[in-house]
Amino acid sequence: MLINKHDHWHEKLFDILNYLFLILFALATLLPFVYIFAGSFTSEAELAARDFFIIPHEISFSAYEYIFSSATLFRSMGISIYITIIGTITNLFFTLTMAYALSRRDLAGRNIVMNMVIFSMLFSGGMIPGYLVVKSLGLVNTYAAVILPGAISAFNLIVIRNFFQNMPPGLEESARIDGCTEIGVLWRIVIPLSMPIIATFGLFYAVGHWNNFFSSLLYLNDHTKWPLQVMLREIVMLSQLAIGDMSNVDPEFVTPPDQAVKMAVIIVGTLPILLVYPFLQKHFAKGALLGSIKG
């Protein structure tokens, strides 16, 4: 069968226009980050003189020298890594175990529990009741106060539950015939087959813990326990000379240098978690869709 090349010119034109649009969209997304990265390595004079640039004329490391002028930032970064790792493991443990239990059709009362989960997506107690609960449990000024209140995301739980429900029942039946308990089925059958969705929602949880600063600001009174995001916030406030109370600010920080500090703060806060994406990218697209089909 002969194919007339001229019959598909409109498809080729559409592809060309589509590629051009996607390239322009990617540049519009990437260029602000490139500008911030370049601006963090230049002087205040160049930032004031040039509205936009991607290659600085004058290289300056003063912003990073100021940020890393003491061990405080390294300590805060270590705390953020600790909270992110422990928090993500905690999230995945509780989410996976609860989702697996609710995916069992023979579980008594599972519809009632699911309705309670859905209700929590629509209504919440609010900040003050949440703080009172954390305080009554004696968790204030501990990392558990940052991790445990958000141990399970209702949306993530529902998606993972739907994924578990769509697994072939024959796999679990075969495992039970071989003598596996419910925990054995979960650990040996369900979890190995769920790695794409686990990687995807693990990444969601990790990004949430890394970027979260409000919970730490609310529950952690000791500034030596502050994670990276809270410490970077204090640095930005210092650079704007807008802090009213200096009592909680680490005394090792000196007078802030210039506007480039704000850009350097964005790079320091974004780059570490951004480096995680390439390792999970192959699972991300697949895992984000696996649990979206009906249960």
Foldseek 3Di string as FASTA:
>chain_A
DDDDPVVCPVVVVVVVVVVVVVVVVVCVVCQVLLFLVQLLQADQVQVVVDVTDNHDPHGHNQLVCQVPVDCLLVLQAVLLVVLLVVLLVLLLVVLLVLLLQLLDPPRPPSVVVLVVLVVCVVDDPDDVVLVVVCVVVVNFQHSCQVRVVPSYRSVLSQLVSLLNNPPPVVLVVVVVVVPADPVRCCVPPVVVVQVLLSLQVSLVSSVCSLQDQVSCVVRNPQLSSHHNNVLLVVLVCQQVVNDDDCPRPDPSRDRRDHPSNNSVSCCVSPVVSVVVCVVSVVSHVVNVCSSVDGD
